[in-house]
Amino acid sequence: MTESATEPTVERRDDRHRYEILVAGERAGLTAFRDRGEQRVFYHTEIDDAFAGRGLAAQLVGQALADVRAQGKRIVPVCPYVAKYLTKHDEFADITDPVTPDVLTWLRDGRAA
């Protein structure tokens, strides 16, 4: 087995509307999203306590945002962690949209369904 087999990997799970980060095949965390037209609205990020302190959230969000760019979509950072990440990574500024009341209403109504 190669050393890279133990490296964390990020997978997009469209069926669950999230990206997951896996460590040795075990889900260590996720960032959840909903698509609104060309926008991917990120609303929650979490890393399981057992995997805390390893920089996994940054790796997860960075790869998720790169995937958004590759898909030609735009980012809406409702999730506080994603918003904070974007303040330090201006390479995504050109595809980031502001969080508006309309987005928040849409997200609240959509998640309740």
Protein backbone atom coordinates (compact mmCIF):
# COMPACT_ATOMS: atom_id res chain seq x y z
CA MET A 1 0.00 0.00 0.00
CA THR A 2 1.35 3.42 -0.89
CA GLU A 3 1.62 6.35 1.48
CA SER A 4 -0.92 8.27 -0.61
CA ALA A 5 -3.56 5.69 0.31
CA THR A 6 -3.71 7.25 3.77
CA GLU A 7 -4.01 10.81 2.46
CA PRO A 8 -7.42 12.39 2.99
CA THR A 9 -9.64 12.42 -0.09
CA VAL A 10 -12.60 14.63 -0.93
CA GLU A 11 -15.65 13.29 -2.78
CA ARG A 12 -18.69 15.15 -4.08
CA ARG A 13 -21.87 13.30 -3.10
CA ASP A 14 -24.59 14.82 -5.26
CA ASP A 15 -27.11 12.33 -3.86
CA ARG A 16 -26.56 13.81 -0.40
CA HIS A 17 -25.88 17.42 -1.48
CA ARG A 18 -22.47 17.52 0.12
CA TYR A 19 -18.76 17.02 -0.20
CA GLU A 20 -17.22 14.52 2.19
CA ILE A 21 -13.62 14.21 3.32
CA LEU A 22 -12.46 10.66 3.93
CA VAL A 23 -9.47 9.55 6.00
CA ALA A 24 -8.48 5.91 5.43
CA GLY A 25 -11.94 5.35 3.95
CA GLU A 26 -13.76 6.78 6.98
CA ARG A 27 -15.87 9.93 6.64
CA ALA A 28 -14.15 12.59 8.73
CA GLY A 29 -16.37 15.53 7.82
CA LEU A 30 -18.58 17.23 5.27
CA THR A 31 -19.62 20.52 3.76
CA ALA A 32 -23.27 20.65 2.74
CA PHE A 33 -24.70 22.58 -0.20
CA ARG A 34 -27.79 23.24 -2.27
CA ASP A 35 -27.71 24.31 -5.89
CA ARG A 36 -29.70 27.38 -6.88
CA GLY A 37 -29.36 27.79 -10.61
CA GLU A 38 -25.68 28.47 -11.30
CA GLN A 39 -25.01 29.03 -7.60
CA ARG A 40 -23.80 26.39 -5.14
CA VAL A 41 -24.96 27.58 -1.72
CA PHE A 42 -22.78 26.20 1.09
CA TYR A 43 -24.69 26.21 4.38
CA HIS A 44 -22.90 23.87 6.81
CA THR A 45 -19.42 22.43 7.38
CA GLU A 46 -18.37 20.02 10.11
CA ILE A 47 -15.41 17.83 11.00
CA ASP A 48 -15.96 14.94 13.40
CA ASP A 49 -14.28 15.48 16.77
CA ALA A 50 -12.03 12.43 16.28
CA PHE A 51 -10.43 14.19 13.29
CA ALA A 52 -10.23 17.74 14.67
CA GLY A 53 -7.02 19.75 14.51
CA ARG A 54 -5.65 18.22 11.31
CA GLY A 55 -6.56 21.00 8.88
CA LEU A 56 -9.19 18.80 7.25
CA ALA A 57 -11.86 21.51 7.07
CA ALA A 58 -9.59 23.74 5.01
CA GLN A 59 -8.66 20.88 2.71
CA LEU A 60 -12.33 19.89 2.32
CA VAL A 61 -13.57 23.40 1.58
CA GLY A 62 -10.64 24.21 -0.71
CA GLN A 63 -11.26 21.16 -2.87
CA ALA A 64 -15.03 21.72 -2.84
CA LEU A 65 -14.62 25.30 -4.04
CA ALA A 66 -12.17 24.21 -6.75
CA ASP A 67 -14.80 21.70 -7.89
CA VAL A 68 -17.41 24.47 -8.01
CA ARG A 69 -15.11 26.44 -10.29
CA ALA A 70 -14.49 23.40 -12.50
CA GLN A 71 -18.25 22.96 -12.90
CA GLY A 72 -18.69 26.59 -13.95
CA LYS A 73 -20.82 27.41 -10.92
CA ARG A 74 -20.66 30.24 -8.39
CA ILE A 75 -20.19 30.12 -4.60
CA VAL A 76 -22.59 31.52 -2.00
CA PRO A 77 -20.97 31.21 1.46
CA VAL A 78 -23.85 30.98 3.97
CA CYS A 79 -21.73 28.65 6.11
CA PRO A 80 -19.53 30.72 8.46
CA TYR A 81 -16.53 28.44 7.88
CA VAL A 82 -16.76 28.75 4.10
CA ALA A 83 -17.14 32.54 4.43
CA LYS A 84 -14.05 32.71 6.67
CA TYR A 85 -12.08 30.49 4.27
CA LEU A 86 -12.92 32.85 1.40
CA THR A 87 -11.50 35.85 3.30
CA LYS A 88 -8.11 34.12 3.17
CA HIS A 89 -8.39 32.70 -0.36
CA ASP A 90 -9.14 35.48 -2.80
CA GLU A 91 -8.54 33.16 -5.74
CA PHE A 92 -12.27 32.40 -5.50
CA ALA A 93 -13.43 36.05 -5.31
CA ASP A 94 -14.37 36.10 -8.99
CA ILE A 95 -16.93 33.29 -8.52
CA THR A 96 -18.29 34.29 -5.08
CA ASP A 97 -21.74 35.86 -4.75
CA PRO A 98 -22.98 37.67 -1.65
CA VAL A 99 -25.36 36.07 0.81
CA THR A 100 -28.65 37.92 0.29
CA PRO A 101 -32.00 37.76 2.10
CA ASP A 102 -33.43 36.02 -1.00
CA VAL A 103 -30.81 33.28 -0.77
CA LEU A 104 -31.44 32.81 2.96
CA THR A 105 -35.21 32.57 2.43
CA TRP A 106 -34.74 30.13 -0.44
CA LEU A 107 -32.37 28.00 1.62
CA ARG A 108 -34.64 28.00 4.68
CA ASP A 109 -37.70 27.07 2.62
CA GLY A 110 -35.82 24.45 0.58
CA ARG A 111 -34.28 22.73 3.58
CA ALA A 112 -37.64 22.50 5.31
CA ALA A 113 -39.05 20.48 2.40
